[in-house]
Amino acid sequence: MLWNDGYNLYIAGALQRVLQVARGRMLVYFCASHGLVRDPTWLADLIAPLADPEVGLAGSVYPCEFKCVAAVPEDIIEPELHVQGGVWSARTDLLRKIGISHRFPFEFCDVDLSRRMLAAGYRLASIPTVVSVAGGIIPDPERYKYVHDYR
C-alpha cells in the first residue's frame, strides 16, 4: 500500500507513483468505491486480452462524446474510442512507455490514456463481462461480472 501523507494525488498522480514501484507485467485499475464484484473471475477476463501484443488497454470501450461535455480543452481532437476509466487493465511496460499526463489529473485521464495507446499503434479491447459508465445507470447489471457506475 502506498501512502501519500493524506494528500490526494488523483488518478494521474497515483498511477505515476504506482508505475514507479510496480513489479508485475500487468496493472489493473478499478474503482473500489463504485465497483461491484458479481463474479470473481472478472479479473481473468480483464487481463486476458493483454496476451495479444497489439492490445494496449482493456476494459469498457465506448465512443468519445466530447461534444456533450462543456469543459473539454480546445486542443483535444476527438478519438473514435476510449476505455472508460472505472475499471481497466494494461501492460506495465506500455504504461511506462506511453506515460500518464498530469495535464488531466482526474477528468479525461482515461480518454488521454486511450488516445496515447491508439497513437502509439495499440488497440483497445472491450471486455463483455466487465462494464463501466461515467454517468448514468447500467441496465441489467446482473449480466456482468464486474460493474462500475455512480449509483
N, C-alpha and C. Protein backbone atom coordinates (compact mmCIF):
# COMPACT_ATOMS: atom_id res chain seq x y z
N MET A 1 0.84 -1.17 0.00
CA MET A 1 0.00 0.00 0.00
C MET A 1 0.89 1.24 0.00
N LEU A 2 0.53 2.19 -0.85
CA LEU A 2 1.26 3.45 -0.91
C LEU A 2 0.47 4.51 -0.15
N TRP A 3 1.17 5.29 0.64
CA TRP A 3 0.52 6.34 1.41
C TRP A 3 1.13 7.67 0.99
N ASN A 4 0.30 8.65 0.77
CA ASN A 4 0.76 9.96 0.32
C ASN A 4 0.57 11.02 1.40
N ASP A 5 0.77 10.63 2.66
CA ASP A 5 0.59 11.55 3.78
C ASP A 5 -0.76 12.24 3.75
N GLY A 6 -1.78 11.52 3.30
CA GLY A 6 -3.13 12.05 3.28
C GLY A 6 -3.42 12.96 2.10
N TYR A 7 -2.46 13.14 1.21
CA TYR A 7 -2.64 14.03 0.07
C TYR A 7 -3.21 13.26 -1.11
N ASN A 8 -4.25 13.79 -1.73
CA ASN A 8 -4.88 13.14 -2.88
C ASN A 8 -4.10 13.50 -4.15
N LEU A 9 -3.47 12.50 -4.74
CA LEU A 9 -2.71 12.71 -5.98
C LEU A 9 -3.61 12.62 -7.21
N TYR A 10 -4.86 12.26 -7.01
CA TYR A 10 -5.79 12.00 -8.10
C TYR A 10 -5.27 10.83 -8.93
N ILE A 11 -6.02 10.46 -9.93
CA ILE A 11 -5.71 9.25 -10.68
C ILE A 11 -4.37 9.36 -11.41
N ALA A 12 -4.10 10.47 -12.05
CA ALA A 12 -2.85 10.60 -12.82
C ALA A 12 -1.63 10.51 -11.91
N GLY A 13 -1.63 11.24 -10.83
CA GLY A 13 -0.50 11.20 -9.91
C GLY A 13 -0.34 9.85 -9.23
N ALA A 14 -1.47 9.26 -8.86
CA ALA A 14 -1.42 7.95 -8.22
C ALA A 14 -0.88 6.89 -9.18
N LEU A 15 -1.31 6.93 -10.45
CA LEU A 15 -0.81 5.97 -11.42
C LEU A 15 0.69 6.14 -11.66
N GLN A 16 1.16 7.38 -11.73
CA GLN A 16 2.60 7.62 -11.88
C GLN A 16 3.36 7.02 -10.71
N ARG A 17 2.83 7.20 -9.53
CA ARG A 17 3.50 6.67 -8.34
C ARG A 17 3.51 5.14 -8.35
N VAL A 18 2.39 4.54 -8.72
CA VAL A 18 2.31 3.08 -8.80
C VAL A 18 3.31 2.54 -9.83
N LEU A 19 3.40 3.22 -10.97
CA LEU A 19 4.32 2.76 -12.03
C LEU A 19 5.78 2.81 -11.59
N GLN A 20 6.11 3.67 -10.65
CA GLN A 20 7.48 3.73 -10.13
C GLN A 20 7.86 2.48 -9.35
N VAL A 21 6.88 1.86 -8.70
CA VAL A 21 7.18 0.71 -7.83
C VAL A 21 6.62 -0.62 -8.34
N ALA A 22 5.80 -0.57 -9.37
CA ALA A 22 5.16 -1.80 -9.87
C ALA A 22 6.20 -2.80 -10.37
N ARG A 23 6.00 -4.06 -10.02
CA ARG A 23 6.91 -5.12 -10.45
C ARG A 23 6.25 -6.12 -11.38
N GLY A 24 4.93 -6.11 -11.43
CA GLY A 24 4.20 -7.07 -12.25
C GLY A 24 4.18 -6.67 -13.72
N ARG A 25 3.81 -7.62 -14.57
CA ARG A 25 3.72 -7.36 -16.01
C ARG A 25 2.46 -6.60 -16.38
N MET A 26 1.43 -6.69 -15.54
CA MET A 26 0.15 -6.05 -15.83
C MET A 26 -0.30 -5.19 -14.65
N LEU A 27 -1.04 -4.15 -14.99
CA LEU A 27 -1.62 -3.30 -13.97
C LEU A 27 -3.12 -3.28 -14.20
N VAL A 28 -3.87 -3.43 -13.13
CA VAL A 28 -5.32 -3.36 -13.19
C VAL A 28 -5.76 -2.20 -12.32
N TYR A 29 -6.56 -1.32 -12.89
CA TYR A 29 -7.15 -0.23 -12.13
C TYR A 29 -8.64 -0.51 -12.00
N PHE A 30 -9.15 -0.37 -10.79
CA PHE A 30 -10.60 -0.47 -10.60
C PHE A 30 -11.01 0.45 -9.47
N CYS A 31 -12.16 1.03 -9.62
CA CYS A 31 -12.73 1.95 -8.64
C CYS A 31 -13.41 1.12 -7.56
N ALA A 32 -12.81 1.06 -6.40
CA ALA A 32 -13.37 0.25 -5.32
C ALA A 32 -14.60 0.90 -4.69
N SER A 33 -14.70 2.23 -4.76
CA SER A 33 -15.84 2.89 -4.11
C SER A 33 -17.12 2.80 -4.92
N HIS A 34 -17.02 2.58 -6.23
CA HIS A 34 -18.21 2.48 -7.07
C HIS A 34 -18.26 1.17 -7.84
N GLY A 35 -17.48 0.21 -7.42
CA GLY A 35 -17.44 -1.07 -8.12
C GLY A 35 -18.15 -2.17 -7.36
N LEU A 36 -18.67 -3.11 -8.10
CA LEU A 36 -19.35 -4.25 -7.51
C LEU A 36 -18.89 -5.51 -8.22
N VAL A 37 -18.28 -6.41 -7.46
CA VAL A 37 -17.84 -7.69 -8.00
C VAL A 37 -19.00 -8.66 -7.88
N ARG A 38 -19.43 -9.19 -9.01
CA ARG A 38 -20.52 -10.16 -9.03
C ARG A 38 -19.99 -11.58 -9.25
N ASP A 39 -18.79 -11.69 -9.82
CA ASP A 39 -18.18 -12.99 -10.11
C ASP A 39 -16.66 -12.79 -10.05
N PRO A 40 -15.96 -13.54 -9.20
CA PRO A 40 -14.53 -13.31 -9.02
C PRO A 40 -13.66 -13.59 -10.25
N THR A 41 -14.22 -14.18 -11.28
CA THR A 41 -13.42 -14.44 -12.48
C THR A 41 -13.30 -13.21 -13.40
N TRP A 42 -13.87 -12.08 -12.98
CA TRP A 42 -13.81 -10.85 -13.77
C TRP A 42 -12.37 -10.44 -14.05
N LEU A 43 -11.50 -10.66 -13.09
CA LEU A 43 -10.11 -10.23 -13.25
C LEU A 43 -9.41 -10.99 -14.38
N ALA A 44 -9.64 -12.29 -14.46
CA ALA A 44 -9.05 -13.08 -15.56
C ALA A 44 -9.57 -12.59 -16.91
N ASP A 45 -10.85 -12.24 -16.97
CA ASP A 45 -11.42 -11.71 -18.21
C ASP A 45 -10.76 -10.39 -18.60
N LEU A 46 -10.50 -9.55 -17.60
CA LEU A 46 -9.96 -8.22 -17.85
C LEU A 46 -8.51 -8.24 -18.34
N ILE A 47 -7.73 -9.19 -17.86
CA ILE A 47 -6.32 -9.22 -18.26
C ILE A 47 -6.05 -10.13 -19.46
N ALA A 48 -6.98 -11.01 -19.81
CA ALA A 48 -6.75 -11.96 -20.91
C ALA A 48 -6.36 -11.29 -22.23
N PRO A 49 -6.98 -10.18 -22.64
CA PRO A 49 -6.61 -9.56 -23.93
C PRO A 49 -5.18 -9.04 -23.98
N LEU A 50 -4.56 -8.83 -22.82
CA LEU A 50 -3.20 -8.30 -22.80
C LEU A 50 -2.17 -9.31 -23.30
N ALA A 51 -2.59 -10.55 -23.49
CA ALA A 51 -1.70 -11.54 -24.08
C ALA A 51 -1.42 -11.21 -25.55
N ASP A 52 -2.31 -10.47 -26.18
CA ASP A 52 -2.13 -10.02 -27.56
C ASP A 52 -1.24 -8.78 -27.54
N PRO A 53 -0.06 -8.83 -28.17
CA PRO A 53 0.85 -7.69 -28.13
C PRO A 53 0.31 -6.43 -28.80
N GLU A 54 -0.77 -6.55 -29.56
CA GLU A 54 -1.36 -5.38 -30.21
C GLU A 54 -2.35 -4.64 -29.29
N VAL A 55 -2.74 -5.26 -28.19
CA VAL A 55 -3.70 -4.64 -27.26
C VAL A 55 -2.93 -3.82 -26.23
N GLY A 56 -3.31 -2.56 -26.10
CA GLY A 56 -2.67 -1.68 -25.13
C GLY A 56 -3.47 -1.45 -23.88
N LEU A 57 -4.80 -1.54 -24.00
CA LEU A 57 -5.67 -1.21 -22.89
C LEU A 57 -6.95 -2.03 -23.04
N ALA A 58 -7.47 -2.56 -21.92
CA ALA A 58 -8.69 -3.37 -21.97
C ALA A 58 -9.67 -2.90 -20.90
N GLY A 59 -10.95 -2.95 -21.25
CA GLY A 59 -12.00 -2.54 -20.32
C GLY A 59 -13.29 -2.31 -21.06
N SER A 60 -14.07 -1.33 -20.62
CA SER A 60 -15.31 -0.96 -21.30
C SER A 60 -15.00 0.11 -22.34
N VAL A 61 -15.08 -0.27 -23.60
CA VAL A 61 -14.75 0.64 -24.70
C VAL A 61 -16.03 1.33 -25.17
N TYR A 62 -15.96 2.65 -25.25
CA TYR A 62 -17.09 3.47 -25.67
C TYR A 62 -16.63 4.52 -26.68
N PRO A 63 -17.55 5.02 -27.49
CA PRO A 63 -17.23 6.18 -28.32
C PRO A 63 -17.01 7.41 -27.43
N CYS A 64 -16.09 8.26 -27.84
CA CYS A 64 -15.89 9.52 -27.12
C CYS A 64 -16.95 10.50 -27.57
N GLU A 65 -17.55 11.17 -26.62
CA GLU A 65 -18.59 12.14 -26.94
C GLU A 65 -18.24 13.48 -26.30
N PHE A 66 -17.12 14.06 -26.75
CA PHE A 66 -16.67 15.32 -26.18
C PHE A 66 -17.66 16.45 -26.38
N LYS A 67 -18.45 16.39 -27.43
CA LYS A 67 -19.39 17.47 -27.70
C LYS A 67 -20.44 17.59 -26.59
N CYS A 68 -20.59 16.54 -25.78
CA CYS A 68 -21.57 16.55 -24.69
C CYS A 68 -20.98 17.08 -23.39
N VAL A 69 -19.67 17.37 -23.37
CA VAL A 69 -19.00 17.80 -22.15
C VAL A 69 -18.54 19.23 -22.31
N ALA A 70 -18.92 20.09 -21.38
CA ALA A 70 -18.65 21.52 -21.52
C ALA A 70 -17.18 21.88 -21.29
N ALA A 71 -16.46 21.14 -20.47
CA ALA A 71 -15.11 21.54 -20.06
C ALA A 71 -13.99 20.90 -20.88
N VAL A 72 -14.26 20.49 -22.09
CA VAL A 72 -13.23 19.84 -22.91
C VAL A 72 -12.21 20.88 -23.37
N PRO A 73 -10.92 20.60 -23.17
CA PRO A 73 -9.90 21.53 -23.67
C PRO A 73 -9.99 21.66 -25.20
N GLU A 74 -9.77 22.87 -25.70
CA GLU A 74 -9.94 23.16 -27.12
C GLU A 74 -9.00 22.36 -28.02
N ASP A 75 -7.83 22.00 -27.51
CA ASP A 75 -6.86 21.31 -28.36
C ASP A 75 -7.06 19.80 -28.41
N ILE A 76 -8.07 19.29 -27.74
CA ILE A 76 -8.35 17.85 -27.77
C ILE A 76 -9.01 17.52 -29.10
N ILE A 77 -8.41 16.58 -29.78
CA ILE A 77 -9.00 16.08 -31.02
C ILE A 77 -9.69 14.77 -30.67
N GLU A 78 -10.95 14.70 -30.97
CA GLU A 78 -11.75 13.56 -30.55
C GLU A 78 -11.26 12.25 -31.15
N PRO A 79 -10.85 11.30 -30.33
CA PRO A 79 -10.57 9.96 -30.86
C PRO A 79 -11.89 9.23 -31.05
N GLU A 80 -11.86 8.17 -31.79
CA GLU A 80 -13.09 7.42 -32.01
C GLU A 80 -13.57 6.70 -30.76
N LEU A 81 -12.64 6.16 -29.98
CA LEU A 81 -12.99 5.31 -28.85
C LEU A 81 -12.12 5.63 -27.64
N HIS A 82 -12.61 5.21 -26.47
CA HIS A 82 -11.78 5.25 -25.28
C HIS A 82 -12.24 4.15 -24.32
N VAL A 83 -11.34 3.76 -23.42
CA VAL A 83 -11.68 2.81 -22.36
C VAL A 83 -12.12 3.63 -21.16
N GLN A 84 -13.35 3.42 -20.72
CA GLN A 84 -13.90 4.14 -19.58
C GLN A 84 -13.05 3.90 -18.34
N GLY A 85 -12.79 4.95 -17.59
CA GLY A 85 -11.82 4.90 -16.51
C GLY A 85 -12.17 4.16 -15.24
N GLY A 86 -13.35 3.63 -15.07
CA GLY A 86 -13.71 2.98 -13.82
C GLY A 86 -13.06 1.64 -13.57
N VAL A 87 -12.69 0.94 -14.63
CA VAL A 87 -12.02 -0.36 -14.50
C VAL A 87 -11.32 -0.66 -15.82
N TRP A 88 -10.01 -0.95 -15.74
CA TRP A 88 -9.26 -1.25 -16.95
C TRP A 88 -7.98 -2.00 -16.60
N SER A 89 -7.35 -2.57 -17.62
CA SER A 89 -6.06 -3.23 -17.45
C SER A 89 -5.14 -2.81 -18.58
N ALA A 90 -3.84 -2.86 -18.30
CA ALA A 90 -2.82 -2.54 -19.30
C ALA A 90 -1.52 -3.22 -18.89
N ARG A 91 -0.64 -3.41 -19.86
CA ARG A 91 0.68 -3.95 -19.53
C ARG A 91 1.53 -2.83 -18.91
N THR A 92 2.22 -3.15 -17.85
CA THR A 92 3.01 -2.17 -17.11
C THR A 92 4.05 -1.50 -18.00
N ASP A 93 4.72 -2.28 -18.85
CA ASP A 93 5.75 -1.69 -19.70
C ASP A 93 5.17 -0.66 -20.67
N LEU A 94 3.96 -0.92 -21.18
CA LEU A 94 3.33 0.05 -22.08
C LEU A 94 2.92 1.31 -21.34
N LEU A 95 2.42 1.17 -20.12
CA LEU A 95 2.05 2.35 -19.35
C LEU A 95 3.27 3.23 -19.09
N ARG A 96 4.39 2.59 -18.81
CA ARG A 96 5.62 3.37 -18.60
C ARG A 96 6.05 4.05 -19.90
N LYS A 97 5.92 3.34 -21.00
CA LYS A 97 6.30 3.88 -22.31
C LYS A 97 5.38 5.03 -22.73
N ILE A 98 4.09 4.84 -22.59
CA ILE A 98 3.09 5.82 -23.00
C ILE A 98 3.06 7.01 -22.05
N GLY A 99 3.17 6.72 -20.77
CA GLY A 99 3.14 7.76 -19.76
C GLY A 99 1.73 8.17 -19.36
N ILE A 100 1.63 8.79 -18.23
CA ILE A 100 0.37 9.31 -17.70
C ILE A 100 0.52 10.82 -17.63
N SER A 101 -0.37 11.54 -18.26
CA SER A 101 -0.28 13.00 -18.30
C SER A 101 -0.84 13.63 -17.03
N HIS A 102 -0.07 14.52 -16.43
CA HIS A 102 -0.56 15.28 -15.28
C HIS A 102 -1.46 16.43 -15.71
N ARG A 103 -1.56 16.63 -17.01
CA ARG A 103 -2.45 17.67 -17.53
C ARG A 103 -3.90 17.35 -17.16
N PHE A 104 -4.21 16.05 -17.07
CA PHE A 104 -5.56 15.61 -16.72
C PHE A 104 -5.47 14.79 -15.44
N PRO A 105 -5.40 15.46 -14.27
CA PRO A 105 -5.22 14.71 -13.03
C PRO A 105 -6.40 13.83 -12.67
N PHE A 106 -7.59 14.19 -13.14
CA PHE A 106 -8.77 13.41 -12.79
C PHE A 106 -9.64 13.21 -14.02
N GLU A 107 -10.33 14.26 -14.46
CA GLU A 107 -11.17 14.14 -15.64
C GLU A 107 -10.31 13.99 -16.89
N PHE A 108 -10.77 13.19 -17.83
CA PHE A 108 -10.14 12.95 -19.13
C PHE A 108 -8.87 12.10 -19.06
N CYS A 109 -8.47 11.68 -17.87
CA CYS A 109 -7.26 10.85 -17.75
C CYS A 109 -7.44 9.55 -18.54
N ASP A 110 -8.63 8.96 -18.46
CA ASP A 110 -8.90 7.72 -19.19
C ASP A 110 -8.90 7.95 -20.70
N VAL A 111 -9.47 9.07 -21.12
CA VAL A 111 -9.51 9.39 -22.54
C VAL A 111 -8.10 9.68 -23.05
N ASP A 112 -7.32 10.42 -22.27
CA ASP A 112 -5.96 10.73 -22.67
C ASP A 112 -5.12 9.46 -22.76
N LEU A 113 -5.25 8.56 -21.79
CA LEU A 113 -4.51 7.31 -21.84
C LEU A 113 -4.91 6.50 -23.07
N SER A 114 -6.19 6.45 -23.37
CA SER A 114 -6.66 5.74 -24.57
C SER A 114 -6.08 6.38 -25.82
N ARG A 115 -6.09 7.71 -25.88
CA ARG A 115 -5.51 8.42 -27.03
C ARG A 115 -4.04 8.09 -27.21
N ARG A 116 -3.31 8.04 -26.11
CA ARG A 116 -1.87 7.73 -26.16
C ARG A 116 -1.63 6.31 -26.68
N MET A 117 -2.44 5.37 -26.21
CA MET A 117 -2.30 3.99 -26.67
C MET A 117 -2.61 3.88 -28.16
N LEU A 118 -3.69 4.51 -28.59
CA LEU A 118 -4.07 4.46 -30.00
C LEU A 118 -3.00 5.14 -30.87
N ALA A 119 -2.49 6.27 -30.43
CA ALA A 119 -1.47 6.99 -31.19
C ALA A 119 -0.18 6.19 -31.31
N ALA A 120 0.11 5.35 -30.31
CA ALA A 120 1.31 4.51 -30.34
C ALA A 120 1.09 3.23 -31.14
N GLY A 121 -0.12 3.05 -31.69
CA GLY A 121 -0.39 1.91 -32.55
C GLY A 121 -1.01 0.71 -31.86
N TYR A 122 -1.43 0.86 -30.61
CA TYR A 122 -2.05 -0.25 -29.88
C TYR A 122 -3.56 -0.18 -30.01
N ARG A 123 -4.22 -1.33 -29.82
CA ARG A 123 -5.67 -1.41 -29.87
C ARG A 123 -6.25 -1.36 -28.47
N LEU A 124 -7.54 -1.03 -28.41
CA LEU A 124 -8.31 -1.08 -27.17
C LEU A 124 -9.20 -2.31 -27.23
N ALA A 125 -9.22 -3.10 -26.17
CA ALA A 125 -10.03 -4.32 -26.14
C ALA A 125 -11.24 -4.12 -25.23
N SER A 126 -12.41 -4.46 -25.75
CA SER A 126 -13.63 -4.38 -24.97
C SER A 126 -13.90 -5.72 -24.29
N ILE A 127 -14.19 -5.69 -23.00
CA ILE A 127 -14.43 -6.88 -22.21
C ILE A 127 -15.93 -7.00 -21.97
N PRO A 128 -16.60 -7.97 -22.56
CA PRO A 128 -18.05 -8.06 -22.46
C PRO A 128 -18.58 -8.40 -21.06
N THR A 129 -17.73 -8.92 -20.18
CA THR A 129 -18.19 -9.31 -18.84
C THR A 129 -17.94 -8.24 -17.79
N VAL A 130 -17.30 -7.14 -18.21
CA VAL A 130 -16.98 -6.03 -17.32
C VAL A 130 -17.59 -4.77 -17.90
N VAL A 131 -18.24 -3.96 -17.05
CA VAL A 131 -18.88 -2.75 -17.55
C VAL A 131 -18.55 -1.57 -16.64
N SER A 132 -18.38 -0.41 -17.26
CA SER A 132 -18.14 0.82 -16.52
C SER A 132 -18.81 1.97 -17.25
N VAL A 133 -19.47 2.84 -16.50
CA VAL A 133 -20.04 4.05 -17.09
C VAL A 133 -19.66 5.23 -16.21
N ALA A 134 -19.46 6.38 -16.85
CA ALA A 134 -19.10 7.59 -16.11
C ALA A 134 -20.33 8.27 -15.53
N GLY A 135 -21.41 8.19 -16.22
CA GLY A 135 -22.64 8.81 -15.72
C GLY A 135 -23.82 7.99 -16.20
N GLY A 136 -24.77 7.83 -15.35
CA GLY A 136 -25.94 7.06 -15.74
C GLY A 136 -26.03 5.73 -15.03
N ILE A 137 -27.00 4.99 -15.44
CA ILE A 137 -27.30 3.70 -14.82
C ILE A 137 -27.06 2.59 -15.85
N ILE A 138 -26.54 1.49 -15.38
CA ILE A 138 -26.30 0.34 -16.24
C ILE A 138 -27.54 -0.54 -16.23
N PRO A 139 -28.16 -0.73 -17.39
CA PRO A 139 -29.30 -1.65 -17.43
C PRO A 139 -28.83 -3.09 -17.23
N ASP A 140 -29.59 -3.85 -16.50
CA ASP A 140 -29.29 -5.27 -16.27
C ASP A 140 -27.86 -5.50 -15.75
N PRO A 141 -27.48 -4.90 -14.64
CA PRO A 141 -26.12 -5.09 -14.14
C PRO A 141 -25.82 -6.54 -13.76
N GLU A 142 -26.86 -7.34 -13.57
CA GLU A 142 -26.67 -8.74 -13.17
C GLU A 142 -25.94 -9.56 -14.24
N ARG A 143 -25.95 -9.09 -15.48
CA ARG A 143 -25.33 -9.87 -16.55
C ARG A 143 -23.81 -9.69 -16.62
N TYR A 144 -23.25 -8.81 -15.78
CA TYR A 144 -21.81 -8.55 -15.80
C TYR A 144 -21.13 -9.14 -14.57
N LYS A 145 -19.85 -9.46 -14.70
CA LYS A 145 -19.08 -9.98 -13.58
C LYS A 145 -18.58 -8.85 -12.68
N TYR A 146 -18.26 -7.70 -13.29
CA TYR A 146 -17.84 -6.54 -12.53
C TYR A 146 -18.58 -5.33 -13.07
N VAL A 147 -19.17 -4.54 -12.17
CA VAL A 147 -19.97 -3.39 -12.55
C VAL A 147 -19.39 -2.14 -11.87
N HIS A 148 -19.15 -1.11 -12.66
CA HIS A 148 -18.72 0.18 -12.12
C HIS A 148 -19.66 1.26 -12.63
N ASP A 149 -20.35 1.92 -11.70
CA ASP A 149 -21.18 3.06 -12.04
C ASP A 149 -21.28 3.97 -10.83
N TYR A 150 -22.03 5.03 -10.96
CA TYR A 150 -22.11 6.02 -9.89
C TYR A 150 -23.46 6.08 -9.22
N ARG A 151 -24.05 4.92 -8.96
CA ARG A 151 -25.35 4.90 -8.28
C ARG A 151 -25.21 5.38 -6.86
